[in-house]
Amino acid sequence: MKQVNVLLVKDVPKLGKAGDIVRVRWGYAKNYLIPKGFALEATPSVVKQWENQRRMKELSLKRKKGRMEQLARRLSGERLLFVLKTNEEGKPFGSVSAKDVADKLKELGYDIERSQVLLEEGLTEFGTHDVEIKLHPEVVARVKVRLEPEE
């Protein structure tokens, strides 16, 4: 049986991860892996091109992480104030949600989506709360959110 080396472009269960060079039967590569977009024949030029793309992607991710770390430092200095109406018992009427926090940050000029605000449930107590904002898989900023009763 003729075998050939292929460079996996995507993860293939029981064969390898994207970027791995594996030896497979020629028919498996020709009839399945290559047509389905899972692999490319591992010629020296293809391998070199893959390595260059991988390096460029890593560099881009490092730059993005650096920008997100700067943004996290700026965000950590922010203090958000929400004034809520109170019920008869002096408790907040309603709550502050992740969407409210994201909207307030957008008003201040930050490009933050609701999904980035890590808030399990709305804030329902007066006082200061730390709210986490996930900017990058490795970067989380903490913002102070203060809830005060309406005068």
C-alpha atoms as a PDB file:
ATOM      1  CA  MET A   1       0.000   0.000   0.000  1.00  0.00           C
ATOM      2  CA  LYS A   2       1.277   3.409  -0.990  1.00  0.00           C
ATOM      3  CA  GLN A   3       1.413   5.908   1.850  1.00  0.00           C
ATOM      4  CA  VAL A   4       1.706   9.658   1.818  1.00  0.00           C
ATOM      5  CA  ASN A   5       2.419  12.388   4.377  1.00  0.00           C
ATOM      6  CA  VAL A   6      -0.365  14.928   4.854  1.00  0.00           C
ATOM      7  CA  LEU A   7      -0.553  18.144   6.840  1.00  0.00           C
ATOM      8  CA  LEU A   8      -3.778  18.263   8.850  1.00  0.00           C
ATOM      9  CA  VAL A   9      -5.597  21.566   8.382  1.00  0.00           C
ATOM     10  CA  LYS A  10      -8.308  20.686  10.921  1.00  0.00           C
ATOM     11  CA  ASP A  11      -8.403  18.359  13.936  1.00  0.00           C
ATOM     12  CA  VAL A  12      -9.265  14.803  12.873  1.00  0.00           C
ATOM     13  CA  PRO A  13     -10.333  12.423  15.684  1.00  0.00           C
ATOM     14  CA  LYS A  14      -7.992   9.438  16.157  1.00  0.00           C
ATOM     15  CA  LEU A  15      -5.554  10.905  13.613  1.00  0.00           C
ATOM     16  CA  GLY A  16      -4.201  14.215  14.912  1.00  0.00           C
ATOM     17  CA  LYS A  17      -4.615  17.919  15.493  1.00  0.00           C
ATOM     18  CA  ALA A  18      -4.412  20.776  13.000  1.00  0.00           C
ATOM     19  CA  GLY A  19      -0.768  21.357  12.080  1.00  0.00           C
ATOM     20  CA  ASP A  20       0.308  17.724  12.586  1.00  0.00           C
ATOM     21  CA  ILE A  21       2.003  15.903   9.733  1.00  0.00           C
ATOM     22  CA  VAL A  22       0.769  12.300   9.633  1.00  0.00           C
ATOM     23  CA  ARG A  23       1.406   9.343   7.366  1.00  0.00           C
ATOM     24  CA  VAL A  24      -1.780   7.825   5.900  1.00  0.00           C
ATOM     25  CA  ARG A  25      -2.759   5.578   3.032  1.00  0.00           C
ATOM     26  CA  TRP A  26      -2.772   7.348  -0.307  1.00  0.00           C
ATOM     27  CA  GLY A  27      -6.438   6.469  -0.999  1.00  0.00           C
ATOM     28  CA  TYR A  28      -7.591   7.818   2.393  1.00  0.00           C
ATOM     29  CA  ALA A  29      -5.814  11.102   1.711  1.00  0.00           C
ATOM     30  CA  LYS A  30      -6.951  11.383  -1.926  1.00  0.00           C
ATOM     31  CA  ASN A  31     -10.565  10.297  -1.448  1.00  0.00           C
ATOM     32  CA  TYR A  32     -11.409  11.673   1.993  1.00  0.00           C
ATOM     33  CA  LEU A  33      -8.961  13.948   3.845  1.00  0.00           C
ATOM     34  CA  ILE A  34      -7.983  16.269   0.993  1.00  0.00           C
ATOM     35  CA  PRO A  35     -11.426  16.650  -0.719  1.00  0.00           C
ATOM     36  CA  LYS A  36     -13.176  17.276   2.629  1.00  0.00           C
ATOM     37  CA  GLY A  37     -10.640  19.996   3.508  1.00  0.00           C
ATOM     38  CA  PHE A  38      -9.136  18.146   6.475  1.00  0.00           C
ATOM     39  CA  ALA A  39      -5.620  17.910   5.035  1.00  0.00           C
ATOM     40  CA  LEU A  40      -3.170  18.993   2.362  1.00  0.00           C
ATOM     41  CA  GLU A  41      -0.366  16.926   0.881  1.00  0.00           C
ATOM     42  CA  ALA A  42       2.682  17.697   3.031  1.00  0.00           C
ATOM     43  CA  THR A  43       5.020  19.104   0.386  1.00  0.00           C
ATOM     44  CA  PRO A  44       7.895  21.285   1.639  1.00  0.00           C
ATOM     45  CA  SER A  45       6.235  24.441   0.276  1.00  0.00           C
ATOM     46  CA  VAL A  46       2.867  23.629   1.906  1.00  0.00           C
ATOM     47  CA  VAL A  47       4.562  22.940   5.264  1.00  0.00           C
ATOM     48  CA  LYS A  48       6.563  26.180   5.044  1.00  0.00           C
ATOM     49  CA  GLN A  49       3.434  28.185   4.162  1.00  0.00           C
ATOM     50  CA  TRP A  50       1.534  26.581   7.089  1.00  0.00           C
ATOM     51  CA  GLU A  51       4.359  27.479   9.501  1.00  0.00           C
ATOM     52  CA  ASN A  52       4.356  31.094   8.264  1.00  0.00           C
ATOM     53  CA  GLN A  53       0.574  31.361   8.726  1.00  0.00           C
ATOM     54  CA  ARG A  54       0.860  29.860  12.228  1.00  0.00           C
ATOM     55  CA  ARG A  55       3.586  32.369  13.181  1.00  0.00           C
ATOM     56  CA  MET A  56       1.549  35.284  11.823  1.00  0.00           C
ATOM     57  CA  LYS A  57      -1.520  34.122  13.759  1.00  0.00           C
ATOM     58  CA  GLU A  58       0.512  33.851  16.995  1.00  0.00           C
ATOM     59  CA  LEU A  59       1.945  37.338  16.467  1.00  0.00           C
ATOM     60  CA  SER A  60      -1.530  38.734  15.833  1.00  0.00           C
ATOM     61  CA  LEU A  61      -2.874  37.064  18.992  1.00  0.00           C
ATOM     62  CA  LYS A  62       0.015  38.483  21.064  1.00  0.00           C
ATOM     63  CA  ARG A  63      -0.678  41.978  19.743  1.00  0.00           C
ATOM     64  CA  LYS A  64      -4.396  41.645  20.461  1.00  0.00           C
ATOM     65  CA  LYS A  65      -3.655  40.390  23.982  1.00  0.00           C
ATOM     66  CA  GLY A  66      -1.401  43.413  24.554  1.00  0.00           C
ATOM     67  CA  ARG A  67      -4.155  45.797  23.405  1.00  0.00           C
ATOM     68  CA  MET A  68      -6.682  44.039  25.652  1.00  0.00           C
ATOM     69  CA  GLU A  69      -4.302  44.279  28.640  1.00  0.00           C
ATOM     70  CA  GLN A  70      -4.060  48.062  28.067  1.00  0.00           C
ATOM     71  CA  LEU A  71      -7.850  48.272  27.824  1.00  0.00           C
ATOM     72  CA  ALA A  72      -8.146  46.231  31.045  1.00  0.00           C
ATOM     73  CA  ARG A  73      -5.919  48.725  32.875  1.00  0.00           C
ATOM     74  CA  ARG A  74      -8.087  51.630  31.651  1.00  0.00           C
ATOM     75  CA  LEU A  75     -11.318  49.806  32.489  1.00  0.00           C
ATOM     76  CA  SER A  76     -10.101  48.911  35.992  1.00  0.00           C
ATOM     77  CA  GLY A  77     -10.083  52.613  36.835  1.00  0.00           C
ATOM     78  CA  GLU A  78     -13.736  53.078  35.871  1.00  0.00           C
ATOM     79  CA  ARG A  79     -16.478  53.539  38.455  1.00  0.00           C
ATOM     80  CA  LEU A  80     -20.048  53.075  37.214  1.00  0.00           C
ATOM     81  CA  LEU A  81     -22.950  54.604  39.147  1.00  0.00           C
ATOM     82  CA  PHE A  82     -26.528  53.393  38.907  1.00  0.00           C
ATOM     83  CA  VAL A  83     -29.302  55.211  40.796  1.00  0.00           C
ATOM     84  CA  LEU A  84     -32.275  52.917  41.422  1.00  0.00           C
ATOM     85  CA  LYS A  85     -35.721  53.526  42.789  1.00  0.00           C
ATOM     86  CA  THR A  86     -36.482  51.857  46.116  1.00  0.00           C
ATOM     87  CA  ASN A  87     -39.469  49.848  47.255  1.00  0.00           C
ATOM     88  CA  GLU A  88     -41.306  50.274  50.594  1.00  0.00           C
ATOM     89  CA  GLU A  89     -38.638  48.273  52.456  1.00  0.00           C
ATOM     90  CA  GLY A  90     -35.780  50.411  51.144  1.00  0.00           C
ATOM     91  CA  LYS A  91     -34.534  47.697  48.770  1.00  0.00           C
ATOM     92  CA  PRO A  92     -33.728  48.402  45.119  1.00  0.00           C
ATOM     93  CA  PHE A  93     -36.711  48.234  42.801  1.00  0.00           C
ATOM     94  CA  GLY A  94     -35.305  46.122  39.936  1.00  0.00           C
ATOM     95  CA  SER A  95     -31.696  45.228  39.311  1.00  0.00           C
ATOM     96  CA  VAL A  96     -28.653  46.113  37.227  1.00  0.00           C
ATOM     97  CA  SER A  97     -27.977  43.518  34.510  1.00  0.00           C
ATOM     98  CA  ALA A  98     -24.972  42.707  32.344  1.00  0.00           C
ATOM     99  CA  LYS A  99     -26.674  44.632  29.526  1.00  0.00           C
ATOM    100  CA  ASP A 100     -26.972  47.717  31.762  1.00  0.00           C
ATOM    101  CA  VAL A 101     -23.259  47.547  32.602  1.00  0.00           C
ATOM    102  CA  ALA A 102     -22.311  47.096  28.913  1.00  0.00           C
ATOM    103  CA  ASP A 103     -24.555  50.005  27.883  1.00  0.00           C
ATOM    104  CA  LYS A 104     -23.027  52.287  30.542  1.00  0.00           C
ATOM    105  CA  LEU A 105     -19.518  51.332  29.357  1.00  0.00           C
ATOM    106  CA  LYS A 106     -20.534  52.071  25.752  1.00  0.00           C
ATOM    107  CA  GLU A 107     -21.679  55.546  26.869  1.00  0.00           C
ATOM    108  CA  LEU A 108     -18.148  56.050  28.222  1.00  0.00           C
ATOM    109  CA  GLY A 109     -16.649  55.056  24.851  1.00  0.00           C
ATOM    110  CA  TYR A 110     -15.727  51.411  25.461  1.00  0.00           C
ATOM    111  CA  ASP A 111     -16.656  48.791  22.865  1.00  0.00           C
ATOM    112  CA  ILE A 112     -17.972  46.137  25.272  1.00  0.00           C
ATOM    113  CA  GLU A 113     -20.671  43.589  24.451  1.00  0.00           C
ATOM    114  CA  ARG A 114     -23.167  42.222  26.991  1.00  0.00           C
ATOM    115  CA  SER A 115     -21.669  38.735  26.607  1.00  0.00           C
ATOM    116  CA  GLN A 116     -18.304  40.038  27.838  1.00  0.00           C
ATOM    117  CA  VAL A 117     -19.782  41.183  31.166  1.00  0.00           C
ATOM    118  CA  LEU A 118     -19.433  38.246  33.556  1.00  0.00           C
ATOM    119  CA  LEU A 119     -22.519  38.684  35.700  1.00  0.00           C
ATOM    120  CA  GLU A 120     -24.494  35.539  36.590  1.00  0.00           C
ATOM    121  CA  GLU A 121     -27.551  37.445  37.798  1.00  0.00           C
ATOM    122  CA  GLY A 122     -28.450  41.108  38.173  1.00  0.00           C
ATOM    123  CA  LEU A 123     -27.088  43.232  41.002  1.00  0.00           C
ATOM    124  CA  THR A 124     -29.916  43.723  43.506  1.00  0.00           C
ATOM    125  CA  GLU A 125     -28.212  45.255  46.565  1.00  0.00           C
ATOM    126  CA  PHE A 126     -27.111  48.823  47.164  1.00  0.00           C
ATOM    127  CA  GLY A 127     -23.388  49.345  47.562  1.00  0.00           C
ATOM    128  CA  THR A 128     -20.261  48.748  45.495  1.00  0.00           C
ATOM    129  CA  HIS A 129     -19.785  45.566  43.500  1.00  0.00           C
ATOM    130  CA  ASP A 130     -16.820  44.248  41.466  1.00  0.00           C
ATOM    131  CA  VAL A 131     -17.934  43.160  38.002  1.00  0.00           C
ATOM    132  CA  GLU A 132     -15.591  41.246  35.696  1.00  0.00           C
ATOM    133  CA  ILE A 133     -15.333  42.037  31.979  1.00  0.00           C
ATOM    134  CA  LYS A 134     -13.767  39.304  29.818  1.00  0.00           C
ATOM    135  CA  LEU A 135     -11.800  41.055  27.073  1.00  0.00           C
ATOM    136  CA  HIS A 136      -9.701  38.114  25.852  1.00  0.00           C
ATOM    137  CA  PRO A 137      -9.385  34.430  26.846  1.00  0.00           C
ATOM    138  CA  GLU A 138      -6.470  35.436  29.110  1.00  0.00           C
ATOM    139  CA  VAL A 139      -7.474  39.011  30.059  1.00  0.00           C
ATOM    140  CA  VAL A 140     -10.211  39.972  32.531  1.00  0.00           C
ATOM    141  CA  ALA A 141     -10.838  43.521  33.782  1.00  0.00           C
ATOM    142  CA  ARG A 142     -12.653  44.407  36.993  1.00  0.00           C
ATOM    143  CA  VAL A 143     -14.977  47.413  37.087  1.00  0.00           C
ATOM    144  CA  LYS A 144     -16.505  48.947  40.218  1.00  0.00           C
ATOM    145  CA  VAL A 145     -20.283  49.249  39.961  1.00  0.00           C
ATOM    146  CA  ARG A 146     -22.044  51.317  42.612  1.00  0.00           C
ATOM    147  CA  LEU A 147     -25.790  51.103  43.225  1.00  0.00           C
ATOM    148  CA  GLU A 148     -27.341  53.992  45.116  1.00  0.00           C
ATOM    149  CA  PRO A 149     -30.957  54.705  46.128  1.00  0.00           C
ATOM    150  CA  GLU A 150     -32.802  57.501  44.363  1.00  0.00           C
ATOM    151  CA  GLU A 151     -33.216  60.585  46.573  1.00  0.00           C
END
